[in-house]
């Protein structure tokens, strides 16, 4: 008698998905990028277009890590039409904004833009000067 044969089974090693997930979580947890002066990041990405590949990779690789370490940060990822350009708009805690066009830019460079914008932003200090309150940058206040 011929016995019915079972369909071939895929061999899945126990815990392989769990180990990949664990590596991803550890990578996100260990790489800290803390943004103190940025309150909102608005990303405009394009699907299926080469000029927007860097922004799409930035959203996949770095946005989870940034969001994990900056819980109060608002990240808006907007997918746009093919004719628009990928862009990152940064809103600071004082309400000012800065934007970067990210056409054909690598994800690491986009991250560098974000970190540089956070470091380069200086909060103005309010000082009373002859009865009037004026705003000056901290570097000039100390001298």
C-alpha atoms as a PDB file:
ATOM      1  CA  UNK A   1       0.000   0.000   0.000  1.00  0.00           C
ATOM      2  CA  UNK A   2       1.238   3.425  -0.772  1.00  0.00           C
ATOM      3  CA  UNK A   3       0.891   5.921   1.968  1.00  0.00           C
ATOM      4  CA  UNK A   4      -0.141   9.480   1.145  1.00  0.00           C
ATOM      5  CA  UNK A   5       2.803  11.802   1.348  1.00  0.00           C
ATOM      6  CA  UNK A   6       2.585  15.009   3.277  1.00  0.00           C
ATOM      7  CA  UNK A   7       3.504  18.256   1.533  1.00  0.00           C
ATOM      8  CA  UNK A   8       7.084  19.366   2.131  1.00  0.00           C
ATOM      9  CA  UNK A   9       7.399  21.462   5.269  1.00  0.00           C
ATOM     10  CA  UNK A  10       9.445  24.581   5.628  1.00  0.00           C
ATOM     11  CA  UNK A  11      12.008  24.181   8.332  1.00  0.00           C
ATOM     12  CA  UNK A  12      11.817  27.110  10.677  1.00  0.00           C
ATOM     13  CA  UNK A  13      14.355  27.324  13.415  1.00  0.00           C
ATOM     14  CA  UNK A  14      12.821  28.041  16.787  1.00  0.00           C
ATOM     15  CA  UNK A  15      13.170  31.677  17.748  1.00  0.00           C
ATOM     16  CA  UNK A  16      14.572  32.972  14.453  1.00  0.00           C
ATOM     17  CA  UNK A  17      11.897  35.660  14.152  1.00  0.00           C
ATOM     18  CA  UNK A  18      12.245  36.424  17.851  1.00  0.00           C
ATOM     19  CA  UNK A  19      16.020  36.820  17.560  1.00  0.00           C
ATOM     20  CA  UNK A  20      15.655  39.224  14.601  1.00  0.00           C
ATOM     21  CA  UNK A  21      13.073  41.206  16.529  1.00  0.00           C
ATOM     22  CA  UNK A  22      15.344  41.255  19.576  1.00  0.00           C
ATOM     23  CA  UNK A  23      18.249  42.593  17.476  1.00  0.00           C
ATOM     24  CA  UNK A  24      16.037  45.335  16.077  1.00  0.00           C
ATOM     25  CA  UNK A  25      14.781  46.372  19.511  1.00  0.00           C
ATOM     26  CA  UNK A  26      18.310  46.402  20.941  1.00  0.00           C
ATOM     27  CA  UNK A  27      19.527  48.502  18.026  1.00  0.00           C
ATOM     28  CA  UNK A  28      16.736  51.037  18.576  1.00  0.00           C
ATOM     29  CA  UNK A  29      17.315  51.127  22.330  1.00  0.00           C
ATOM     30  CA  UNK A  30      21.105  51.436  22.204  1.00  0.00           C
ATOM     31  CA  UNK A  31      21.434  54.156  19.535  1.00  0.00           C
ATOM     32  CA  UNK A  32      20.283  57.275  21.318  1.00  0.00           C
ATOM     33  CA  UNK A  33      19.448  60.415  19.422  1.00  0.00           C
ATOM     34  CA  UNK A  34      17.889  62.912  21.790  1.00  0.00           C
ATOM     35  CA  UNK A  35      16.449  66.082  20.288  1.00  0.00           C
ATOM     36  CA  UNK A  36      15.964  68.733  22.972  1.00  0.00           C
ATOM     37  CA  UNK A  37      14.919  71.717  20.897  1.00  0.00           C
ATOM     38  CA  UNK A  38      12.793  70.078  18.193  1.00  0.00           C
ATOM     39  CA  UNK A  39       9.075  69.743  18.848  1.00  0.00           C
ATOM     40  CA  UNK A  40       7.820  68.434  15.492  1.00  0.00           C
ATOM     41  CA  UNK A  41       9.269  66.815  12.375  1.00  0.00           C
ATOM     42  CA  UNK A  42       7.173  66.702   9.228  1.00  0.00           C
ATOM     43  CA  UNK A  43       8.399  64.352   6.512  1.00  0.00           C
ATOM     44  CA  UNK A  44       7.174  64.400   2.943  1.00  0.00           C
ATOM     45  CA  UNK A  45       8.078  61.148   1.175  1.00  0.00           C
ATOM     46  CA  UNK A  46       7.348  59.866  -2.306  1.00  0.00           C
ATOM     47  CA  UNK A  47       6.467  56.272  -3.087  1.00  0.00           C
ATOM     48  CA  UNK A  48       7.968  54.404  -6.043  1.00  0.00           C
ATOM     49  CA  UNK A  49      10.380  57.128  -7.122  1.00  0.00           C
ATOM     50  CA  UNK A  50      14.162  56.960  -7.008  1.00  0.00           C
ATOM     51  CA  UNK A  51      14.597  60.564  -5.909  1.00  0.00           C
ATOM     52  CA  UNK A  52      12.656  59.808  -2.704  1.00  0.00           C
ATOM     53  CA  UNK A  53      14.405  56.549  -1.786  1.00  0.00           C
ATOM     54  CA  UNK A  54      16.584  58.199   0.874  1.00  0.00           C
ATOM     55  CA  UNK A  55      13.563  59.639   2.679  1.00  0.00           C
ATOM     56  CA  UNK A  56      11.749  56.282   2.618  1.00  0.00           C
ATOM     57  CA  UNK A  57      14.828  54.546   4.057  1.00  0.00           C
ATOM     58  CA  UNK A  58      15.145  57.291   6.697  1.00  0.00           C
ATOM     59  CA  UNK A  59      11.547  56.655   7.771  1.00  0.00           C
ATOM     60  CA  UNK A  60      12.185  52.894   8.031  1.00  0.00           C
ATOM     61  CA  UNK A  61      15.619  52.989   9.697  1.00  0.00           C
ATOM     62  CA  UNK A  62      15.775  56.086  11.885  1.00  0.00           C
ATOM     63  CA  UNK A  63      12.271  57.351  12.694  1.00  0.00           C
ATOM     64  CA  UNK A  64      11.478  54.462  15.116  1.00  0.00           C
ATOM     65  CA  UNK A  65      14.756  55.099  16.959  1.00  0.00           C
ATOM     66  CA  UNK A  66      14.165  58.877  17.128  1.00  0.00           C
ATOM     67  CA  UNK A  67      10.567  58.411  18.274  1.00  0.00           C
ATOM     68  CA  UNK A  68      11.589  55.857  20.942  1.00  0.00           C
ATOM     69  CA  UNK A  69      14.034  58.254  22.614  1.00  0.00           C
ATOM     70  CA  UNK A  70      11.901  61.403  22.132  1.00  0.00           C
ATOM     71  CA  UNK A  71       8.403  60.458  23.254  1.00  0.00           C
ATOM     72  CA  UNK A  72       7.016  64.012  23.129  1.00  0.00           C
ATOM     73  CA  UNK A  73       8.309  64.584  19.577  1.00  0.00           C
ATOM     74  CA  UNK A  74       5.580  64.704  16.948  1.00  0.00           C
ATOM     75  CA  UNK A  75       6.569  62.958  13.711  1.00  0.00           C
ATOM     76  CA  UNK A  76       4.298  63.384  10.700  1.00  0.00           C
ATOM     77  CA  UNK A  77       5.034  61.216   7.673  1.00  0.00           C
ATOM     78  CA  UNK A  78       3.085  62.348   4.641  1.00  0.00           C
ATOM     79  CA  UNK A  79       3.186  60.326   1.423  1.00  0.00           C
ATOM     80  CA  UNK A  80       2.865  62.612  -1.585  1.00  0.00           C
ATOM     81  CA  UNK A  81       2.358  62.463  -5.337  1.00  0.00           C
ATOM     82  CA  UNK A  82       5.099  61.599  -7.757  1.00  0.00           C
ATOM     83  CA  UNK A  83       5.593  65.180  -8.948  1.00  0.00           C
ATOM     84  CA  UNK A  84       6.417  66.637  -5.542  1.00  0.00           C
ATOM     85  CA  UNK A  85       9.860  66.569  -3.896  1.00  0.00           C
ATOM     86  CA  UNK A  86      10.822  64.810  -0.652  1.00  0.00           C
ATOM     87  CA  UNK A  87      11.201  67.310   2.156  1.00  0.00           C
ATOM     88  CA  UNK A  88      11.765  67.527   5.911  1.00  0.00           C
ATOM     89  CA  UNK A  89      10.313  70.406   7.931  1.00  0.00           C
ATOM     90  CA  UNK A  90      11.539  70.869  11.482  1.00  0.00           C
ATOM     91  CA  UNK A  91       9.537  72.885  14.013  1.00  0.00           C
ATOM     92  CA  UNK A  92      11.434  74.064  17.082  1.00  0.00           C
ATOM     93  CA  UNK A  93      10.042  74.593  20.579  1.00  0.00           C
ATOM     94  CA  UNK A  94       9.908  78.375  20.087  1.00  0.00           C
ATOM     95  CA  UNK A  95       7.738  78.002  16.961  1.00  0.00           C
ATOM     96  CA  UNK A  96      10.358  78.708  14.289  1.00  0.00           C
ATOM     97  CA  UNK A  97      10.695  76.268  11.406  1.00  0.00           C
ATOM     98  CA  UNK A  98      13.467  75.070   9.154  1.00  0.00           C
ATOM     99  CA  UNK A  99      13.070  72.936   6.036  1.00  0.00           C
ATOM    100  CA  UNK A 100      15.370  70.768   3.945  1.00  0.00           C
ATOM    101  CA  UNK A 101      14.793  69.439   0.456  1.00  0.00           C
ATOM    102  CA  UNK A 102      15.868  65.785   0.395  1.00  0.00           C
ATOM    103  CA  UNK A 103      16.065  64.879  -3.294  1.00  0.00           C
ATOM    104  CA  UNK A 104      18.568  62.040  -3.864  1.00  0.00           C
ATOM    105  CA  UNK A 105      19.892  62.322  -0.299  1.00  0.00           C
ATOM    106  CA  UNK A 106      21.023  59.291   1.707  1.00  0.00           C
ATOM    107  CA  UNK A 107      19.135  58.515   4.951  1.00  0.00           C
ATOM    108  CA  UNK A 108      22.275  59.102   7.034  1.00  0.00           C
ATOM    109  CA  UNK A 109      22.591  62.610   5.606  1.00  0.00           C
ATOM    110  CA  UNK A 110      18.929  63.351   6.436  1.00  0.00           C
ATOM    111  CA  UNK A 111      19.614  62.246  10.013  1.00  0.00           C
ATOM    112  CA  UNK A 112      22.664  64.523  10.039  1.00  0.00           C
ATOM    113  CA  UNK A 113      20.477  67.466   8.900  1.00  0.00           C
ATOM    114  CA  UNK A 114      18.098  66.799  11.781  1.00  0.00           C
ATOM    115  CA  UNK A 115      20.798  66.501  14.449  1.00  0.00           C
ATOM    116  CA  UNK A 116      22.682  69.563  13.132  1.00  0.00           C
ATOM    117  CA  UNK A 117      19.478  71.604  13.141  1.00  0.00           C
ATOM    118  CA  UNK A 118      18.863  70.625  16.772  1.00  0.00           C
ATOM    119  CA  UNK A 119      22.439  71.477  17.791  1.00  0.00           C
ATOM    120  CA  UNK A 120      22.539  74.699  15.799  1.00  0.00           C
ATOM    121  CA  UNK A 121      19.341  76.054  17.274  1.00  0.00           C
ATOM    122  CA  UNK A 122      19.924  78.350  20.231  1.00  0.00           C
ATOM    123  CA  UNK A 123      17.147  79.435  22.526  1.00  0.00           C
ATOM    124  CA  UNK A 124      17.119  83.150  23.121  1.00  0.00           C
ATOM    125  CA  UNK A 125      17.386  84.371  26.667  1.00  0.00           C
ATOM    126  CA  UNK A 126      15.172  87.188  27.952  1.00  0.00           C
ATOM    127  CA  UNK A 127      17.160  89.854  29.758  1.00  0.00           C
ATOM    128  CA  UNK A 128      16.094  93.177  31.216  1.00  0.00           C
ATOM    129  CA  UNK A 129      18.171  95.995  29.793  1.00  0.00           C
ATOM    130  CA  UNK A 130      17.501  99.560  31.030  1.00  0.00           C
ATOM    131  CA  UNK A 131      13.920  98.711  31.910  1.00  0.00           C
ATOM    132  CA  UNK A 132      13.187  96.932  28.611  1.00  0.00           C
ATOM    133  CA  UNK A 133      13.056  93.191  28.158  1.00  0.00           C
ATOM    134  CA  UNK A 134      15.133  92.027  25.188  1.00  0.00           C
ATOM    135  CA  UNK A 135      15.975  88.617  23.751  1.00  0.00           C
ATOM    136  CA  UNK A 136      19.612  87.702  23.188  1.00  0.00           C
ATOM    137  CA  UNK A 137      21.447  84.509  22.339  1.00  0.00           C
ATOM    138  CA  UNK A 138      23.090  82.704  25.304  1.00  0.00           C
ATOM    139  CA  UNK A 139      26.630  83.093  23.870  1.00  0.00           C
ATOM    140  CA  UNK A 140      26.313  86.867  23.832  1.00  0.00           C
ATOM    141  CA  UNK A 141      24.662  86.944  27.265  1.00  0.00           C
ATOM    142  CA  UNK A 142      27.724  85.497  29.001  1.00  0.00           C
ATOM    143  CA  UNK A 143      30.189  88.045  27.595  1.00  0.00           C
END
